[in-house]
Amino acid sequence: MQRALNTMTVIADGEAVRKVMEDTVMVKTVDATPPAAAEGFAALLCVDDVAKLLRCSPRTVYRLSDAGRMPAPCRLGALVRWPRAAIDGWIAAGCPACRAERKR
């Protein structure tokens, strides 16, 4: 735990924001669930939403997808989206590789 003397410090810690002031700690957790999924709608997730669910960078999501290590995205013109149900199922199954590796 970090202490502050006579000042208030805000510490950004990925998942939480902590306000510390003279030994008093208040923690507010941040929900990584996209708004459409939180309301119960079927959703297509953008790369940023998938990255939040996996707690990684958007570039890592593209790398996993290109390597066949996660469900393939739906391409709508220039848009790249992943079905929420496919990502949730993949995570629940333990994140197995989705496509066989190519033989060279």
PDB file of N, CA and C in Angstrom:
ATOM      1  N   MET A   1       0.849  -1.178   0.000  1.00  0.00           N
ATOM      2  CA  MET A   1       0.000   0.000   0.000  1.00  0.00           C
ATOM      3  C   MET A   1       0.890   1.235   0.000  1.00  0.00           C
ATOM      4  N   GLN A   2       0.514   2.217  -0.752  1.00  0.00           N
ATOM      5  CA  GLN A   2       1.281   3.448  -0.843  1.00  0.00           C
ATOM      6  C   GLN A   2       0.610   4.523   0.001  1.00  0.00           C
ATOM      7  N   ARG A   3       1.407   5.310   0.713  1.00  0.00           N
ATOM      8  CA  ARG A   3       0.863   6.373   1.556  1.00  0.00           C
ATOM      9  C   ARG A   3       1.209   7.736   0.979  1.00  0.00           C
ATOM     10  N   ALA A   4       0.337   8.668   1.206  1.00  0.00           N
ATOM     11  CA  ALA A   4       0.577  10.049   0.794  1.00  0.00           C
ATOM     12  C   ALA A   4       0.437  10.934   2.025  1.00  0.00           C
ATOM     13  N   LEU A   5       1.311  11.909   2.135  1.00  0.00           N
ATOM     14  CA  LEU A   5       1.279  12.815   3.275  1.00  0.00           C
ATOM     15  C   LEU A   5       0.722  14.166   2.848  1.00  0.00           C
ATOM     16  N   ASN A   6      -0.447  14.520   3.373  1.00  0.00           N
ATOM     17  CA  ASN A   6      -1.103  15.804   3.130  1.00  0.00           C
ATOM     18  C   ASN A   6      -1.372  16.100   1.664  1.00  0.00           C
ATOM     19  N   THR A   7      -1.339  15.120   0.828  1.00  0.00           N
ATOM     20  CA  THR A   7      -1.680  15.314  -0.587  1.00  0.00           C
ATOM     21  C   THR A   7      -2.552  14.146  -1.031  1.00  0.00           C
ATOM     22  N   MET A   8      -3.252  14.349  -2.122  1.00  0.00           N
ATOM     23  CA  MET A   8      -4.058  13.281  -2.669  1.00  0.00           C
ATOM     24  C   MET A   8      -3.415  12.836  -3.968  1.00  0.00           C
ATOM     25  N   THR A   9      -3.192  11.530  -4.104  1.00  0.00           N
ATOM     26  CA  THR A   9      -2.539  10.964  -5.268  1.00  0.00           C
ATOM     27  C   THR A   9      -3.505  10.028  -5.969  1.00  0.00           C
ATOM     28  N   VAL A  10      -3.580  10.087  -7.290  1.00  0.00           N
ATOM     29  CA  VAL A  10      -4.399   9.168  -8.063  1.00  0.00           C
ATOM     30  C   VAL A  10      -3.439   8.253  -8.807  1.00  0.00           C
ATOM     31  N   ILE A  11      -3.587   6.965  -8.580  1.00  0.00           N
ATOM     32  CA  ILE A  11      -2.696   5.976  -9.171  1.00  0.00           C
ATOM     33  C   ILE A  11      -3.497   5.165 -10.178  1.00  0.00           C
ATOM     34  N   ALA A  12      -3.121   5.197 -11.449  1.00  0.00           N
ATOM     35  CA  ALA A  12      -3.796   4.393 -12.468  1.00  0.00           C
ATOM     36  C   ALA A  12      -3.105   3.039 -12.499  1.00  0.00           C
ATOM     37  N   ASP A  13      -3.880   1.974 -12.345  1.00  0.00           N
ATOM     38  CA  ASP A  13      -3.325   0.640 -12.218  1.00  0.00           C
ATOM     39  C   ASP A  13      -4.030  -0.330 -13.151  1.00  0.00           C
ATOM     40  N   GLY A  14      -4.297   0.024 -14.385  1.00  0.00           N
ATOM     41  CA  GLY A  14      -4.933  -0.848 -15.352  1.00  0.00           C
ATOM     42  C   GLY A  14      -6.377  -1.159 -15.011  1.00  0.00           C
ATOM     43  N   GLU A  15      -6.601  -1.921 -13.984  1.00  0.00           N
ATOM     44  CA  GLU A  15      -7.937  -2.363 -13.619  1.00  0.00           C
ATOM     45  C   GLU A  15      -8.607  -1.455 -12.597  1.00  0.00           C
ATOM     46  N   ALA A  16      -7.856  -0.696 -11.856  1.00  0.00           N
ATOM     47  CA  ALA A  16      -8.474   0.073 -10.781  1.00  0.00           C
ATOM     48  C   ALA A  16      -7.860   1.463 -10.692  1.00  0.00           C
ATOM     49  N   VAL A  17      -8.606   2.370 -10.128  1.00  0.00           N
ATOM     50  CA  VAL A  17      -8.104   3.707  -9.843  1.00  0.00           C
ATOM     51  C   VAL A  17      -8.173   3.862  -8.339  1.00  0.00           C
ATOM     52  N   ARG A  18      -7.047   4.207  -7.743  1.00  0.00           N
ATOM     53  CA  ARG A  18      -6.999   4.317  -6.297  1.00  0.00           C
ATOM     54  C   ARG A  18      -6.786   5.768  -5.898  1.00  0.00           C
ATOM     55  N   LYS A  19      -7.542   6.230  -4.945  1.00  0.00           N
ATOM     56  CA  LYS A  19      -7.343   7.557  -4.391  1.00  0.00           C
ATOM     57  C   LYS A  19      -6.801   7.361  -2.982  1.00  0.00           C
ATOM     58  N   VAL A  20      -5.608   7.874  -2.749  1.00  0.00           N
ATOM     59  CA  VAL A  20      -4.938   7.668  -1.476  1.00  0.00           C
ATOM     60  C   VAL A  20      -4.785   9.013  -0.776  1.00  0.00           C
ATOM     61  N   MET A  21      -5.202   9.090   0.483  1.00  0.00           N
ATOM     62  CA  MET A  21      -5.016  10.317   1.250  1.00  0.00           C
ATOM     63  C   MET A  21      -4.894   9.955   2.720  1.00  0.00           C
ATOM     64  N   GLU A  22      -3.719  10.122   3.255  1.00  0.00           N
ATOM     65  CA  GLU A  22      -3.441   9.861   4.659  1.00  0.00           C
ATOM     66  C   GLU A  22      -4.034   8.543   5.146  1.00  0.00           C
ATOM     67  N   ASP A  23      -3.543   7.440   4.607  1.00  0.00           N
ATOM     68  CA  ASP A  23      -3.905   6.085   5.006  1.00  0.00           C
ATOM     69  C   ASP A  23      -5.343   5.686   4.662  1.00  0.00           C
ATOM     70  N   THR A  24      -6.091   6.478   3.934  1.00  0.00           N
ATOM     71  CA  THR A  24      -7.439   6.099   3.527  1.00  0.00           C
ATOM     72  C   THR A  24      -7.382   5.681   2.067  1.00  0.00           C
ATOM     73  N   VAL A  25      -7.821   4.459   1.775  1.00  0.00           N
ATOM     74  CA  VAL A  25      -7.750   3.931   0.419  1.00  0.00           C
ATOM     75  C   VAL A  25      -9.162   3.624  -0.061  1.00  0.00           C
ATOM     76  N   MET A  26      -9.516   4.182  -1.217  1.00  0.00           N
ATOM     77  CA  MET A  26     -10.779   3.869  -1.858  1.00  0.00           C
ATOM     78  C   MET A  26     -10.450   3.291  -3.226  1.00  0.00           C
ATOM     79  N   VAL A  27     -11.005   2.132  -3.566  1.00  0.00           N
ATOM     80  CA  VAL A  27     -10.719   1.481  -4.835  1.00  0.00           C
ATOM     81  C   VAL A  27     -12.000   1.408  -5.656  1.00  0.00           C
ATOM     82  N   LYS A  28     -11.897   1.858  -6.897  1.00  0.00           N
ATOM     83  CA  LYS A  28     -13.023   1.771  -7.821  1.00  0.00           C
ATOM     84  C   LYS A  28     -12.596   0.873  -8.972  1.00  0.00           C
ATOM     85  N   THR A  29     -13.267  -0.254  -9.146  1.00  0.00           N
ATOM     86  CA  THR A  29     -12.926  -1.151 -10.234  1.00  0.00           C
ATOM     87  C   THR A  29     -13.584  -0.668 -11.516  1.00  0.00           C
ATOM     88  N   VAL A  30     -12.927  -0.944 -12.627  1.00  0.00           N
ATOM     89  CA  VAL A  30     -13.413  -0.526 -13.935  1.00  0.00           C
ATOM     90  C   VAL A  30     -13.922  -1.759 -14.656  1.00  0.00           C
ATOM     91  N   ASP A  31     -15.165  -1.726 -15.141  1.00  0.00           N
ATOM     92  CA  ASP A  31     -15.757  -2.847 -15.857  1.00  0.00           C
ATOM     93  C   ASP A  31     -15.262  -2.834 -17.291  1.00  0.00           C
ATOM     94  N   ALA A  32     -14.669  -3.952 -17.738  1.00  0.00           N
ATOM     95  CA  ALA A  32     -14.137  -4.049 -19.092  1.00  0.00           C
ATOM     96  C   ALA A  32     -15.176  -4.571 -20.079  1.00  0.00           C
ATOM     97  N   THR A  33     -16.407  -4.768 -19.641  1.00  0.00           N
ATOM     98  CA  THR A  33     -17.454  -5.276 -20.510  1.00  0.00           C
ATOM     99  C   THR A  33     -17.962  -4.150 -21.415  1.00  0.00           C
ATOM    100  N   PRO A  34     -17.958  -4.379 -22.724  1.00  0.00           N
ATOM    101  CA  PRO A  34     -18.489  -3.357 -23.628  1.00  0.00           C
ATOM    102  C   PRO A  34     -19.963  -3.093 -23.347  1.00  0.00           C
ATOM    103  N   PRO A  35     -20.454  -1.877 -23.561  1.00  0.00           N
ATOM    104  CA  PRO A  35     -21.828  -1.520 -23.224  1.00  0.00           C
ATOM    105  C   PRO A  35     -22.885  -2.401 -23.880  1.00  0.00           C
ATOM    106  N   ALA A  36     -22.730  -2.766 -25.144  1.00  0.00           N
ATOM    107  CA  ALA A  36     -23.745  -3.571 -25.816  1.00  0.00           C
ATOM    108  C   ALA A  36     -23.872  -4.943 -25.158  1.00  0.00           C
ATOM    109  N   ALA A  37     -22.758  -5.540 -24.762  1.00  0.00           N
ATOM    110  CA  ALA A  37     -22.795  -6.854 -24.121  1.00  0.00           C
ATOM    111  C   ALA A  37     -23.376  -6.750 -22.724  1.00  0.00           C
ATOM    112  N   ALA A  38     -23.137  -5.657 -22.047  1.00  0.00           N
ATOM    113  CA  ALA A  38     -23.651  -5.479 -20.696  1.00  0.00           C
ATOM    114  C   ALA A  38     -25.173  -5.392 -20.700  1.00  0.00           C
ATOM    115  N   GLU A  39     -25.756  -4.911 -21.771  1.00  0.00           N
ATOM    116  CA  GLU A  39     -27.202  -4.784 -21.863  1.00  0.00           C
ATOM    117  C   GLU A  39     -27.866  -6.047 -22.390  1.00  0.00           C
ATOM    118  N   GLY A  40     -27.088  -7.091 -22.674  1.00  0.00           N
ATOM    119  CA  GLY A  40     -27.666  -8.363 -23.100  1.00  0.00           C
ATOM    120  C   GLY A  40     -27.872  -8.499 -24.595  1.00  0.00           C
ATOM    121  N   PHE A  41     -27.368  -7.601 -25.402  1.00  0.00           N
ATOM    122  CA  PHE A  41     -27.516  -7.692 -26.845  1.00  0.00           C
ATOM    123  C   PHE A  41     -26.408  -8.552 -27.431  1.00  0.00           C
ATOM    124  N   ALA A  42     -26.722  -9.243 -28.525  1.00  0.00           N
ATOM    125  CA  ALA A  42     -25.679  -9.947 -29.266  1.00  0.00           C
ATOM    126  C   ALA A  42     -24.763  -8.884 -29.841  1.00  0.00           C
ATOM    127  N   ALA A  43     -23.479  -9.117 -29.780  1.00  0.00           N
ATOM    128  CA  ALA A  43     -22.564  -8.054 -30.174  1.00  0.00           C
ATOM    129  C   ALA A  43     -21.462  -8.560 -31.074  1.00  0.00           C
ATOM    130  N   LEU A  44     -21.008  -7.681 -31.917  1.00  0.00           N
ATOM    131  CA  LEU A  44     -19.766  -7.865 -32.640  1.00  0.00           C
ATOM    132  C   LEU A  44     -18.767  -6.928 -31.977  1.00  0.00           C
ATOM    133  N   LEU A  45     -17.659  -7.480 -31.544  1.00  0.00           N
ATOM    134  CA  LEU A  45     -16.677  -6.706 -30.793  1.00  0.00           C
ATOM    135  C   LEU A  45     -15.564  -6.204 -31.701  1.00  0.00           C
ATOM    136  N   CYS A  46     -15.169  -4.962 -31.504  1.00  0.00           N
ATOM    137  CA  CYS A  46     -14.026  -4.419 -32.231  1.00  0.00           C
ATOM    138  C   CYS A  46     -12.749  -4.906 -31.543  1.00  0.00           C
ATOM    139  N   VAL A  47     -11.621  -4.642 -32.155  1.00  0.00           N
ATOM    140  CA  VAL A  47     -10.345  -5.124 -31.628  1.00  0.00           C
ATOM    141  C   VAL A  47     -10.065  -4.560 -30.227  1.00  0.00           C
ATOM    142  N   ASP A  48     -10.463  -3.321 -29.968  1.00  0.00           N
ATOM    143  CA  ASP A  48     -10.234  -2.739 -28.641  1.00  0.00           C
ATOM    144  C   ASP A  48     -11.051  -3.453 -27.566  1.00  0.00           C
ATOM    145  N   ASP A  49     -12.297  -3.835 -27.891  1.00  0.00           N
ATOM    146  CA  ASP A  49     -13.135  -4.554 -26.933  1.00  0.00           C
ATOM    147  C   ASP A  49     -12.572  -5.944 -26.641  1.00  0.00           C
ATOM    148  N   VAL A  50     -12.114  -6.636 -27.693  1.00  0.00           N
ATOM    149  CA  VAL A  50     -11.512  -7.962 -27.502  1.00  0.00           C
ATOM    150  C   VAL A  50     -10.236  -7.839 -26.672  1.00  0.00           C
ATOM    151  N   ALA A  51      -9.442  -6.809 -26.942  1.00  0.00           N
ATOM    152  CA  ALA A  51      -8.205  -6.601 -26.174  1.00  0.00           C
ATOM    153  C   ALA A  51      -8.510  -6.369 -24.695  1.00  0.00           C
ATOM    154  N   LYS A  52      -9.578  -5.638 -24.398  1.00  0.00           N
ATOM    155  CA  LYS A  52      -9.959  -5.417 -22.998  1.00  0.00           C
ATOM    156  C   LYS A  52     -10.361  -6.722 -22.330  1.00  0.00           C
ATOM    157  N   LEU A  53     -11.122  -7.556 -23.041  1.00  0.00           N
ATOM    158  CA  LEU A  53     -11.531  -8.844 -22.475  1.00  0.00           C
ATOM    159  C   LEU A  53     -10.333  -9.750 -22.209  1.00  0.00           C
ATOM    160  N   LEU A  54      -9.345  -9.719 -23.110  1.00  0.00           N
ATOM    161  CA  LEU A  54      -8.167 -10.571 -22.970  1.00  0.00           C
ATOM    162  C   LEU A  54      -7.061  -9.930 -22.136  1.00  0.00           C
ATOM    163  N   ARG A  55      -7.243  -8.644 -21.813  1.00  0.00           N
ATOM    164  CA  ARG A  55      -6.242  -7.870 -21.066  1.00  0.00           C
ATOM    165  C   ARG A  55      -4.881  -7.903 -21.778  1.00  0.00           C
ATOM    166  N   CYS A  56      -4.934  -7.521 -23.054  1.00  0.00           N
ATOM    167  CA  CYS A  56      -3.721  -7.431 -23.858  1.00  0.00           C
ATOM    168  C   CYS A  56      -3.872  -6.242 -24.796  1.00  0.00           C
ATOM    169  N   SER A  57      -2.900  -6.043 -25.663  1.00  0.00           N
ATOM    170  CA  SER A  57      -2.960  -4.921 -26.600  1.00  0.00           C
ATOM    171  C   SER A  57      -3.744  -5.315 -27.851  1.00  0.00           C
ATOM    172  N   PRO A  58      -4.275  -4.328 -28.577  1.00  0.00           N
ATOM    173  CA  PRO A  58      -4.960  -4.632 -29.836  1.00  0.00           C
ATOM    174  C   PRO A  58      -4.040  -5.339 -30.839  1.00  0.00           C
ATOM    175  N   ARG A  59      -2.772  -4.988 -30.836  1.00  0.00           N
ATOM    176  CA  ARG A  59      -1.821  -5.634 -31.750  1.00  0.00           C
ATOM    177  C   ARG A  59      -1.705  -7.129 -31.449  1.00  0.00           C
ATOM    178  N   THR A  60      -1.733  -7.490 -30.170  1.00  0.00           N
ATOM    179  CA  THR A  60      -1.671  -8.899 -29.780  1.00  0.00           C
ATOM    180  C   THR A  60      -2.907  -9.642 -30.273  1.00  0.00           C
ATOM    181  N   VAL A  61      -4.069  -9.004 -30.232  1.00  0.00           N
ATOM    182  CA  VAL A  61      -5.297  -9.627 -30.748  1.00  0.00           C
ATOM    183  C   VAL A  61      -5.132  -9.939 -32.232  1.00  0.00           C
ATOM    184  N   TYR A  62      -4.620  -8.981 -33.014  1.00  0.00           N
ATOM    185  CA  TYR A  62      -4.405  -9.220 -34.436  1.00  0.00           C
ATOM    186  C   TYR A  62      -3.396 -10.345 -34.654  1.00  0.00           C
ATOM    187  N   ARG A  63      -2.345 -10.398 -33.860  1.00  0.00           N
ATOM    188  CA  ARG A  63      -1.344 -11.464 -33.997  1.00  0.00           C
ATOM    189  C   ARG A  63      -1.941 -12.830 -33.700  1.00  0.00           C
ATOM    190  N   LEU A  64      -2.727 -12.927 -32.616  1.00  0.00           N
ATOM    191  CA  LEU A  64      -3.377 -14.195 -32.284  1.00  0.00           C
ATOM    192  C   LEU A  64      -4.315 -14.633 -33.400  1.00  0.00           C
ATOM    193  N   SER A  65      -5.075 -13.689 -33.933  1.00  0.00           N
ATOM    194  CA  SER A  65      -6.021 -13.992 -35.004  1.00  0.00           C
ATOM    195  C   SER A  65      -5.303 -14.435 -36.270  1.00  0.00           C
ATOM    196  N   ASP A  66      -4.253 -13.722 -36.664  1.00  0.00           N
ATOM    197  CA  ASP A  66      -3.497 -14.063 -37.870  1.00  0.00           C
ATOM    198  C   ASP A  66      -2.823 -15.428 -37.752  1.00  0.00           C
ATOM    199  N   ALA A  67      -2.421 -15.803 -36.535  1.00  0.00           N
ATOM    200  CA  ALA A  67      -1.751 -17.081 -36.318  1.00  0.00           C
ATOM    201  C   ALA A  67      -2.742 -18.232 -36.157  1.00  0.00           C
ATOM    202  N   GLY A  68      -4.050 -17.940 -36.112  1.00  0.00           N
ATOM    203  CA  GLY A  68      -5.047 -18.988 -35.958  1.00  0.00           C
ATOM    204  C   GLY A  68      -5.193 -19.476 -34.531  1.00  0.00           C
ATOM    205  N   ARG A  69      -4.764 -18.679 -33.581  1.00  0.00           N
ATOM    206  CA  ARG A  69      -4.804 -19.074 -32.171  1.00  0.00           C
ATOM    207  C   ARG A  69      -6.046 -18.566 -31.453  1.00  0.00           C
ATOM    208  N   MET A  70      -6.945 -17.918 -32.189  1.00  0.00           N
ATOM    209  CA  MET A  70      -8.215 -17.454 -31.626  1.00  0.00           C
ATOM    210  C   MET A  70      -9.256 -17.482 -32.746  1.00  0.00           C
ATOM    211  N   PRO A  71     -10.540 -17.331 -32.419  1.00  0.00           N
ATOM    212  CA  PRO A  71     -11.567 -17.365 -33.475  1.00  0.00           C
ATOM    213  C   PRO A  71     -11.311 -16.309 -34.550  1.00  0.00           C
ATOM    214  N   ALA A  72     -11.630 -16.679 -35.771  1.00  0.00           N
ATOM    215  CA  ALA A  72     -11.448 -15.765 -36.899  1.00  0.00           C
ATOM    216  C   ALA A  72     -12.469 -14.634 -36.814  1.00  0.00           C
ATOM    217  N   PRO A  73     -12.075 -13.435 -37.223  1.00  0.00           N
ATOM    218  CA  PRO A  73     -13.010 -12.313 -37.190  1.00  0.00           C
ATOM    219  C   PRO A  73     -13.942 -12.321 -38.392  1.00  0.00           C
ATOM    220  N   CYS A  74     -15.013 -11.551 -38.279  1.00  0.00           N
ATOM    221  CA  CYS A  74     -15.902 -11.282 -39.413  1.00  0.00           C
ATOM    222  C   CYS A  74     -15.409  -9.985 -40.042  1.00  0.00           C
ATOM    223  N   ARG A  75     -15.260  -9.988 -41.331  1.00  0.00           N
ATOM    224  CA  ARG A  75     -14.815  -8.771 -42.009  1.00  0.00           C
ATOM    225  C   ARG A  75     -15.999  -8.167 -42.739  1.00  0.00           C
ATOM    226  N   LEU A  76     -16.289  -6.922 -42.396  1.00  0.00           N
ATOM    227  CA  LEU A  76     -17.387  -6.179 -43.006  1.00  0.00           C
ATOM    228  C   LEU A  76     -16.781  -4.992 -43.736  1.00  0.00           C
ATOM    229  N   GLY A  77     -16.400  -5.215 -44.984  1.00  0.00           N
ATOM    230  CA  GLY A  77     -15.668  -4.176 -45.702  1.00  0.00           C
ATOM    231  C   GLY A  77     -14.307  -4.006 -45.048  1.00  0.00           C
ATOM    232  N   ALA A  78     -14.024  -2.797 -44.601  1.00  0.00           N
ATOM    233  CA  ALA A  78     -12.757  -2.529 -43.919  1.00  0.00           C
ATOM    234  C   ALA A  78     -12.833  -2.808 -42.420  1.00  0.00           C
ATOM    235  N   LEU A  79     -14.030  -3.083 -41.899  1.00  0.00           N
ATOM    236  CA  LEU A  79     -14.193  -3.330 -40.468  1.00  0.00           C
ATOM    237  C   LEU A  79     -13.849  -4.765 -40.120  1.00  0.00           C
ATOM    238  N   VAL A  80     -13.202  -4.955 -38.977  1.00  0.00           N
ATOM    239  CA  VAL A  80     -12.874  -6.283 -38.464  1.00  0.00           C
ATOM    240  C   VAL A  80     -13.572  -6.415 -37.124  1.00  0.00           C
ATOM    241  N   ARG A  81     -14.449  -7.422 -36.993  1.00  0.00           N
ATOM    242  CA  ARG A  81     -15.209  -7.617 -35.761  1.00  0.00           C
ATOM    243  C   ARG A  81     -15.222  -9.093 -35.384  1.00  0.00           C
ATOM    244  N   TRP A  82     -15.312  -9.369 -34.083  1.00  0.00           N
ATOM    245  CA  TRP A  82     -15.402 -10.728 -33.572  1.00  0.00           C
ATOM    246  C   TRP A  82     -16.761 -10.912 -32.910  1.00  0.00           C
ATOM    247  N   PRO A  83     -17.453 -12.026 -33.166  1.00  0.00           N
ATOM    248  CA  PRO A  83     -18.716 -12.293 -32.472  1.00  0.00           C
ATOM    249  C   PRO A  83     -18.459 -12.508 -30.974  1.00  0.00           C
ATOM    250  N   ARG A  84     -19.225 -11.841 -30.134  1.00  0.00           N
ATOM    251  CA  ARG A  84     -19.060 -11.932 -28.683  1.00  0.00           C
ATOM    252  C   ARG A  84     -19.178 -13.382 -28.215  1.00  0.00           C
ATOM    253  N   ALA A  85     -20.142 -14.131 -28.767  1.00  0.00           N
ATOM    254  CA  ALA A  85     -20.350 -15.520 -28.354  1.00  0.00           C
ATOM    255  C   ALA A  85     -19.130 -16.378 -28.686  1.00  0.00           C
ATOM    256  N   ALA A  86     -18.488 -16.135 -29.834  1.00  0.00           N
ATOM    257  CA  ALA A  86     -17.307 -16.907 -30.216  1.00  0.00           C
ATOM    258  C   ALA A  86     -16.142 -16.635 -29.262  1.00  0.00           C
ATOM    259  N   ILE A  87     -15.958 -15.380 -28.888  1.00  0.00           N
ATOM    260  CA  ILE A  87     -14.863 -15.027 -27.967  1.00  0.00           C
ATOM    261  C   ILE A  87     -15.139 -15.594 -26.575  1.00  0.00           C
ATOM    262  N   ASP A  88     -16.372 -15.463 -26.094  1.00  0.00           N
ATOM    263  CA  ASP A  88     -16.719 -16.008 -24.776  1.00  0.00           C
ATOM    264  C   ASP A  88     -16.549 -17.525 -24.750  1.00  0.00           C
ATOM    265  N   GLY A  89     -16.984 -18.218 -25.801  1.00  0.00           N
ATOM    266  CA  GLY A  89     -16.825 -19.672 -25.885  1.00  0.00           C
ATOM    267  C   GLY A  89     -15.371 -20.091 -25.933  1.00  0.00           C
ATOM    268  N   TRP A  90     -14.571 -19.337 -26.670  1.00  0.00           N
ATOM    269  CA  TRP A  90     -13.143 -19.625 -26.789  1.00  0.00           C
ATOM    270  C   TRP A  90     -12.454 -19.453 -25.435  1.00  0.00           C
ATOM    271  N   ILE A  91     -12.790 -18.407 -24.703  1.00  0.00           N
ATOM    272  CA  ILE A  91     -12.204 -18.185 -23.382  1.00  0.00           C
ATOM    273  C   ILE A  91     -12.648 -19.284 -22.418  1.00  0.00           C
ATOM    274  N   ALA A  92     -13.941 -19.657 -22.456  1.00  0.00           N
ATOM    275  CA  ALA A  92     -14.456 -20.702 -21.569  1.00  0.00           C
ATOM    276  C   ALA A  92     -13.804 -22.056 -21.849  1.00  0.00           C
ATOM    277  N   ALA A  93     -13.412 -22.299 -23.105  1.00  0.00           N
ATOM    278  CA  ALA A  93     -12.771 -23.562 -23.479  1.00  0.00           C
ATOM    279  C   ALA A  93     -11.282 -23.578 -23.145  1.00  0.00           C
ATOM    280  N   GLY A  94     -10.763 -22.496 -22.613  1.00  0.00           N
ATOM    281  CA  GLY A  94      -9.349 -22.444 -22.241  1.00  0.00           C
ATOM    282  C   GLY A  94      -8.447 -21.887 -23.313  1.00  0.00           C
ATOM    283  N   CYS A  95      -9.009 -21.173 -24.268  1.00  0.00           N
ATOM    284  CA  CYS A  95      -8.256 -20.501 -25.342  1.00  0.00           C
ATOM    285  C   CYS A  95      -7.444 -21.467 -26.210  1.00  0.00           C
ATOM    286  N   PRO A  96      -8.084 -22.524 -26.742  1.00  0.00           N
ATOM    287  CA  PRO A  96      -7.342 -23.446 -27.625  1.00  0.00           C
ATOM    288  C   PRO A  96      -7.098 -22.812 -28.995  1.00  0.00           C
ATOM    289  N   ALA A  97      -6.105 -23.341 -29.718  1.00  0.00           N
ATOM    290  CA  ALA A  97      -5.857 -22.885 -31.077  1.00  0.00           C
ATOM    291  C   ALA A  97      -7.083 -23.244 -31.923  1.00  0.00           C
ATOM    292  N   CYS A  98      -7.483 -22.346 -32.814  1.00  0.00           N
ATOM    293  CA  CYS A  98      -8.723 -22.543 -33.584  1.00  0.00           C
ATOM    294  C   CYS A  98      -8.490 -23.122 -34.966  1.00  0.00           C
ATOM    295  N   ARG A  99      -7.305 -22.974 -35.495  1.00  0.00           N
ATOM    296  CA  ARG A  99      -6.987 -23.514 -36.818  1.00  0.00           C
ATOM    297  C   ARG A  99      -5.716 -24.342 -36.719  1.00  0.00           C
ATOM    298  N   ALA A 100      -5.619 -25.365 -37.544  1.00  0.00           N
ATOM    299  CA  ALA A 100      -4.413 -26.182 -37.559  1.00  0.00           C
ATOM    300  C   ALA A 100      -3.272 -25.373 -38.137  1.00  0.00           C
ATOM    301  N   GLU A 101      -2.068 -25.634 -37.640  1.00  0.00           N
ATOM    302  CA  GLU A 101      -0.899 -24.918 -38.164  1.00  0.00           C
ATOM    303  C   GLU A 101      -0.587 -25.407 -39.571  1.00  0.00           C
ATOM    304  N   ARG A 102      -0.078 -24.514 -40.390  1.00  0.00           N
ATOM    305  CA  ARG A 102       0.282 -24.859 -41.753  1.00  0.00           C
ATOM    306  C   ARG A 102       1.574 -25.671 -41.766  1.00  0.00           C
ATOM    307  N   LYS A 103       1.619 -26.674 -42.647  1.00  0.00           N
ATOM    308  CA  LYS A 103       2.862 -27.413 -42.821  1.00  0.00           C
ATOM    309  C   LYS A 103       3.675 -26.717 -43.881  1.00  0.00           C
ATOM    310  N   ARG A 104       4.947 -26.596 -43.650  1.00  0.00           N
ATOM    311  CA  ARG A 104       5.812 -25.911 -44.623  1.00  0.00           C
ATOM    312  C   ARG A 104       6.691 -26.888 -45.344  1.00  0.00           C
TER     313      ARG A 104
END
